[in-house]
Amino acid sequence: MTLTTLLTGGSFFEGPRWHQGHWWVSDFYRGQVLQVSTAGEETVVLEVPTQPSGSGRLPDGSLVLVSMTDQRLLRWDGSELATYAALAPYCGGLLNDLVVDAAGHVFVGDFGFDLMAGGAPGPASLKRVDPDGTITVVAEDLLFPNGMVITADGGTLLVGETLGNRYTAFDLAPDGALSNRRVWAQFGPEPTGTTTEEVLGQLVIAPDGCTGDAEGHVWAADAVGGRAVRIAPGGEVVDEVRAPEGLGVFACALGGDDGRTLLLCCAPDFLEHARRPVREAVLLTTTVAVPHAGRP
């Protein structure tokens, strides 16, 4: 596949979403939420010094956004940015990515441990924030819950476990209840290392930011493989897009007018001390055959 450069000069791009003719993307260490046109024109929409990440749209169209370092969800209605939910009591590490269902239930995960300080990997939970503000832990013992997809029929939630070599699936009810937890894709044995370095060395695919398509497959950034992979139900990798030499892929999204543009968030690595002082992150695009479906 041919890759085209859409935007350069980021610190670390994450949480890409397509919305009303534009890409929306967070830049961790510049502390910004950006709107990017299909011509690569960048507009800073929000300044979020507490490190923005995953985002979604509530039923009223407002933006809900992860604020990583203070473990909050923020809501932006187009004019005012306010706290939507305070999740620090439910987190073992930085708040991370999210997905919103059709009824406005927000599902969000956290790291589970202090990744950037080299902490020992540990399990994390998945939280649900309801439209009335109620916070519920809906799943535990996830190994770095990260990018998530809700299938096109709204009935299944897929959660990428970056340090677990897998995707885990749940049946998703209209009221936001999760049930029937199961493995949707297993890429290798569950890692057994006691340090982040050991665990990373045992990963076959480290699913990061992801997106669903109309055939029920998932395009996932492979955080240790320098690529995005298209995964069939059950775990077979049926396609891949490799980043240019020296770059990793840490999130992806399908969008464009026909849903067939695959956007890749790329950087040399994910380490804060290496990414924060430089501007080496890029957004790349390519075209795929099967269009977007589901959420985000």
Protein backbone atom coordinates (compact mmCIF):
# COMPACT_ATOMS: atom_id res chain seq x y z
CA MET A 1 0.00 0.00 0.00
CA THR A 2 1.17 3.51 -0.77
CA LEU A 3 1.54 5.78 2.24
CA THR A 4 0.99 9.53 2.02
CA THR A 5 2.16 12.03 4.63
CA LEU A 6 -0.75 14.09 5.93
CA LEU A 7 0.90 16.01 8.78
CA THR A 8 4.32 16.31 10.39
CA GLY A 9 5.66 18.08 13.49
CA GLY A 10 3.79 16.29 16.26
CA SER A 11 5.15 15.07 19.57
CA PHE A 12 3.02 11.91 19.89
CA PHE A 13 -0.28 11.59 18.03
CA GLU A 14 -3.05 9.40 19.46
CA GLY A 15 -6.82 8.98 19.54
CA PRO A 16 -7.52 9.64 15.83
CA ARG A 17 -11.18 10.03 14.88
CA TRP A 18 -13.04 11.04 11.71
CA HIS A 19 -15.83 13.54 12.30
CA GLN A 20 -17.79 15.68 9.85
CA GLY A 21 -15.19 15.85 7.12
CA HIS A 22 -12.08 16.25 9.29
CA TRP A 23 -9.66 14.16 11.29
CA TRP A 24 -9.49 14.83 15.00
CA VAL A 25 -6.36 13.76 16.84
CA SER A 26 -4.72 14.31 20.23
CA ASP A 27 -1.08 15.25 20.61
CA PHE A 28 0.07 14.05 24.04
CA TYR A 29 3.04 16.26 24.75
CA ARG A 30 2.02 19.42 22.94
CA GLY A 31 -1.15 19.16 25.04
CA GLN A 32 -3.43 19.82 22.11
CA VAL A 33 -6.49 18.44 20.38
CA LEU A 34 -6.21 19.08 16.67
CA GLN A 35 -8.58 19.17 13.73
CA VAL A 36 -6.79 18.17 10.54
CA SER A 37 -8.23 18.64 7.07
CA THR A 38 -7.82 16.09 4.30
CA ALA A 39 -5.29 18.52 2.81
CA GLY A 40 -3.18 18.37 5.99
CA GLU A 41 -4.15 21.76 7.42
CA GLU A 42 -3.86 21.73 11.21
CA THR A 43 -6.15 23.69 13.54
CA VAL A 44 -5.67 23.65 17.31
CA VAL A 45 -9.15 23.17 18.79
CA LEU A 46 -8.28 22.67 22.46
CA GLU A 47 -5.30 23.16 24.76
CA VAL A 48 -5.17 20.34 27.32
CA PRO A 49 -1.87 20.50 29.25
CA THR A 50 -2.86 17.42 31.27
CA GLN A 51 -2.23 15.25 28.19
CA PRO A 52 -5.21 14.54 25.93
CA SER A 53 -5.82 11.06 24.53
CA GLY A 54 -8.88 9.12 23.33
CA SER A 55 -12.08 10.92 22.46
CA GLY A 56 -15.63 10.28 21.33
CA ARG A 57 -18.95 11.95 20.66
CA LEU A 58 -21.89 11.99 23.05
CA PRO A 59 -25.41 11.75 21.60
CA ASP A 60 -25.74 15.55 21.62
CA GLY A 61 -22.60 15.86 19.47
CA SER A 62 -20.35 17.19 22.19
CA LEU A 63 -16.79 15.89 22.49
CA VAL A 64 -15.78 13.71 25.45
CA LEU A 65 -12.03 13.49 25.92
CA VAL A 66 -9.51 11.70 28.12
CA SER A 67 -7.26 13.90 30.24
CA MET A 68 -4.54 11.41 31.07
CA THR A 69 -2.40 12.71 33.91
CA ASP A 70 -5.24 13.88 36.18
CA GLN A 71 -7.42 10.90 35.17
CA ARG A 72 -10.47 12.90 34.16
CA LEU A 73 -12.92 12.81 31.31
CA LEU A 74 -13.55 16.25 29.84
CA ARG A 75 -16.59 17.41 27.87
CA TRP A 76 -16.43 20.13 25.25
CA ASP A 77 -19.69 21.46 23.84
CA GLY A 78 -18.03 23.69 21.26
CA SER A 79 -17.39 26.55 23.64
CA GLU A 80 -16.76 25.37 27.21
CA LEU A 81 -14.39 22.63 28.39
CA ALA A 82 -15.49 21.07 31.68
CA THR A 83 -14.94 17.98 33.81
CA TYR A 84 -17.33 15.19 32.81
CA ALA A 85 -16.07 12.51 35.24
CA ALA A 86 -13.26 12.24 37.79
CA LEU A 87 -11.82 8.72 37.55
CA ALA A 88 -8.64 8.84 39.65
CA PRO A 89 -10.08 6.58 42.40
CA TYR A 90 -10.65 3.87 39.79
CA CYS A 91 -7.24 3.99 38.10
CA GLY A 92 -3.86 2.35 38.71
CA GLY A 93 -2.13 4.38 36.01
CA LEU A 94 -2.73 7.07 33.44
CA LEU A 95 -6.21 7.22 31.92
CA ASN A 96 -5.99 6.25 28.28
CA ASP A 97 -8.43 5.49 25.46
CA LEU A 98 -12.22 5.42 25.25
CA VAL A 99 -15.21 4.55 23.12
CA VAL A 100 -18.79 5.83 23.37
CA ASP A 101 -21.84 3.72 22.53
CA ALA A 102 -24.99 4.97 20.82
CA ALA A 103 -26.72 5.68 24.14
CA GLY A 104 -23.81 7.76 25.46
CA HIS A 105 -22.14 5.24 27.77
CA VAL A 106 -18.42 5.98 27.84
CA PHE A 107 -16.04 3.03 28.25
CA VAL A 108 -12.51 3.99 29.27
CA GLY A 109 -9.39 2.14 30.40
CA ASP A 110 -6.16 3.05 32.15
CA PHE A 111 -2.57 1.80 32.07
CA GLY A 112 -2.82 -0.06 35.39
CA PHE A 113 0.74 0.90 36.43
CA ASP A 114 3.34 3.63 35.92
CA LEU A 115 4.59 2.76 32.44
CA MET A 116 6.89 5.74 31.88
CA ALA A 117 8.65 5.26 35.24
CA GLY A 118 9.32 1.61 34.48
CA GLY A 119 6.83 0.25 37.01
CA ALA A 120 5.98 -3.43 37.20
CA PRO A 121 3.11 -4.27 34.80
CA GLY A 122 -0.17 -4.93 36.54
CA PRO A 123 -3.83 -5.45 35.68
CA ALA A 124 -6.25 -2.60 35.08
CA SER A 125 -10.00 -2.11 34.96
CA LEU A 126 -12.48 -0.90 32.42
CA LYS A 127 -14.77 1.89 33.60
CA ARG A 128 -18.20 2.91 32.30
CA VAL A 129 -19.45 6.46 32.73
CA ASP A 130 -23.20 6.74 32.25
CA PRO A 131 -25.05 9.82 30.95
CA ASP A 132 -26.19 10.63 34.50
CA GLY A 133 -22.57 10.65 35.71
CA THR A 134 -22.58 7.25 37.43
CA ILE A 135 -19.19 5.52 37.30
CA THR A 136 -19.06 1.71 37.30
CA VAL A 137 -16.12 -0.66 37.02
CA VAL A 138 -17.42 -3.11 34.41
CA ALA A 139 -14.38 -5.37 33.94
CA GLU A 140 -11.19 -6.08 35.86
CA ASP A 141 -7.89 -7.90 35.33
CA LEU A 142 -7.29 -6.49 31.87
CA LEU A 143 -3.67 -6.23 30.75
CA PHE A 144 -3.38 -2.60 29.65
CA PRO A 145 -6.85 -2.03 28.15
CA ASN A 146 -6.31 0.30 25.23
CA GLY A 147 -8.07 0.88 21.91
CA MET A 148 -11.68 -0.32 21.72
CA VAL A 149 -14.25 -0.97 19.02
CA ILE A 150 -18.03 -1.31 19.22
CA THR A 151 -19.30 -3.43 16.33
CA ALA A 152 -21.67 -1.98 13.76
CA ASP A 153 -24.71 -3.68 15.29
CA GLY A 154 -23.88 -2.12 18.65
CA GLY A 155 -23.91 -5.50 20.36
CA THR A 156 -20.24 -6.27 20.97
CA LEU A 157 -17.43 -4.34 22.67
CA LEU A 158 -13.88 -5.34 21.69
CA VAL A 159 -11.05 -4.28 24.01
CA GLY A 160 -7.42 -4.45 22.94
CA GLU A 161 -5.15 -5.61 25.76
CA THR A 162 -1.81 -4.16 24.71
CA LEU A 163 0.24 -6.21 27.17
CA GLY A 164 -1.97 -9.30 26.92
CA ASN A 165 -1.38 -10.40 23.31
CA ARG A 166 -5.13 -10.31 22.69
CA TYR A 167 -8.51 -8.72 22.12
CA THR A 168 -11.22 -9.45 24.65
CA ALA A 169 -14.89 -9.28 23.66
CA PHE A 170 -18.02 -8.55 25.68
CA ASP A 171 -21.68 -8.62 24.77
CA LEU A 172 -22.89 -5.02 25.08
CA ALA A 173 -26.50 -4.38 26.13
CA PRO A 174 -28.43 -1.18 25.35
CA ASP A 175 -28.14 -0.12 29.00
CA GLY A 176 -24.33 -0.42 28.86
CA ALA A 177 -24.12 -3.74 30.73
CA LEU A 178 -21.31 -6.08 29.69
CA SER A 179 -21.55 -9.88 29.75
CA ASN A 180 -20.15 -13.03 28.16
CA ARG A 181 -16.48 -12.05 28.47
CA ARG A 182 -14.39 -14.04 26.03
CA VAL A 183 -11.21 -13.95 23.94
CA TRP A 184 -11.90 -12.53 20.47
CA ALA A 185 -8.33 -12.83 19.19
CA GLN A 186 -5.23 -14.34 20.85
CA PHE A 187 -1.91 -13.54 19.22
CA GLY A 188 0.40 -15.41 21.56
CA PRO A 189 0.64 -16.65 25.15
CA GLU A 190 -0.24 -14.23 27.92
CA PRO A 191 3.09 -12.65 28.90
CA THR A 192 4.64 -13.70 32.19
CA GLY A 193 7.39 -11.10 32.62
CA THR A 194 7.71 -8.98 35.74
CA THR A 195 9.12 -5.89 34.01
CA THR A 196 7.80 -3.86 31.11
CA GLU A 197 10.86 -4.78 29.05
CA GLU A 198 10.26 -8.49 29.60
CA VAL A 199 6.57 -8.22 28.73
CA LEU A 200 7.20 -6.20 25.58
CA GLY A 201 9.65 -8.87 24.45
CA GLN A 202 6.93 -11.53 24.73
CA LEU A 203 4.34 -9.71 22.63
CA VAL A 204 3.45 -10.98 19.17
CA ILE A 205 1.04 -8.10 18.54
CA ALA A 206 0.53 -5.25 20.99
CA PRO A 207 -2.91 -3.87 20.03
CA ASP A 208 -3.05 -0.11 20.48
CA GLY A 209 -5.46 2.39 18.90
CA CYS A 210 -7.87 0.65 16.55
CA THR A 211 -10.86 0.91 14.23
CA GLY A 212 -13.54 -1.44 12.88
CA ASP A 213 -14.60 -2.13 9.32
CA ALA A 214 -17.75 -3.26 7.52
CA GLU A 215 -16.66 -6.92 7.40
CA GLY A 216 -16.35 -7.19 11.18
CA HIS A 217 -12.55 -6.98 11.09
CA VAL A 218 -10.39 -4.66 13.19
CA TRP A 219 -7.51 -2.56 11.99
CA ALA A 220 -5.15 -2.25 14.96
CA ALA A 221 -1.90 -0.42 15.50
CA ASP A 222 0.74 -2.93 16.59
CA ALA A 223 2.74 -0.94 19.11
CA VAL A 224 5.74 -3.30 18.96
CA GLY A 225 5.62 -4.20 15.27
CA GLY A 226 5.89 -0.90 13.39
CA ARG A 227 2.68 -1.63 11.52
CA ALA A 228 -1.10 -1.63 11.47
CA VAL A 229 -2.71 -5.05 11.06
CA ARG A 230 -6.17 -6.07 9.88
CA ILE A 231 -7.45 -8.78 12.21
CA ALA A 232 -10.26 -11.21 11.44
CA PRO A 233 -12.51 -12.56 14.20
CA GLY A 234 -10.48 -15.31 15.83
CA GLY A 235 -7.17 -13.52 15.42
CA GLU A 236 -5.89 -14.18 11.90
CA VAL A 237 -3.93 -11.26 10.46
CA VAL A 238 -5.26 -10.87 6.91
CA ASP A 239 -3.52 -7.62 5.91
CA GLU A 240 -0.94 -5.16 7.19
CA VAL A 241 0.47 -1.72 6.50
CA ARG A 242 4.07 -1.17 7.58
CA ALA A 243 5.34 2.21 8.68
CA PRO A 244 8.45 3.67 7.08
CA GLU A 245 11.75 2.54 8.58
CA GLY A 246 12.34 4.04 12.01
CA LEU A 247 8.69 4.67 12.85
CA GLY A 248 6.21 2.79 15.00
CA VAL A 249 2.43 2.84 14.63
CA PHE A 250 0.50 3.61 17.83
CA ALA A 251 -3.05 4.29 16.63
CA CYS A 252 -5.13 4.12 13.48
CA ALA A 253 -8.59 5.10 12.28
CA LEU A 254 -10.76 4.66 9.21
CA GLY A 255 -12.42 7.73 7.74
CA GLY A 256 -12.61 9.94 4.72
CA ASP A 257 -15.76 10.59 2.72
CA ASP A 258 -16.10 6.91 1.79
CA GLY A 259 -14.65 5.47 5.01
CA ARG A 260 -11.75 3.85 3.16
CA THR A 261 -8.90 6.13 4.25
CA LEU A 262 -6.75 4.53 6.94
CA LEU A 263 -4.96 7.11 9.09
CA LEU A 264 -1.84 6.01 10.99
CA CYS A 265 -0.37 7.82 14.01
CA CYS A 266 3.37 7.25 13.82
CA ALA A 267 6.42 8.14 15.90
CA PRO A 268 9.88 6.64 16.50
CA ASP A 269 8.75 5.23 19.89
CA PHE A 270 6.27 5.84 22.72
CA LEU A 271 8.68 6.94 25.46
CA GLU A 272 7.79 10.27 27.04
CA HIS A 273 11.36 11.37 27.70
CA ALA A 274 12.21 10.81 24.03
CA ARG A 275 9.03 12.25 22.48
CA ARG A 276 8.32 15.31 24.61
CA PRO A 277 11.27 17.50 23.55
CA VAL A 278 11.10 16.78 19.80
CA ARG A 279 8.57 17.01 16.98
CA GLU A 280 9.03 13.76 15.06
CA ALA A 281 5.48 12.33 15.07
CA VAL A 282 3.63 12.14 11.77
CA LEU A 283 0.19 11.30 10.41
CA LEU A 284 0.22 9.00 7.38
CA THR A 285 -2.67 7.80 5.23
CA THR A 286 -3.39 4.99 2.83
CA THR A 287 -6.48 3.61 1.10
CA VAL A 288 -8.07 0.25 1.95
CA ALA A 289 -10.81 -1.77 0.31
CA VAL A 290 -13.33 -2.21 3.14
CA PRO A 291 -14.85 0.93 4.70
CA HIS A 292 -15.29 1.91 8.31
CA ALA A 293 -18.13 0.57 10.44
CA GLY A 294 -18.97 0.69 14.13
CA ARG A 295 -17.50 2.98 16.77
CA PRO A 296 -15.35 5.01 17.18
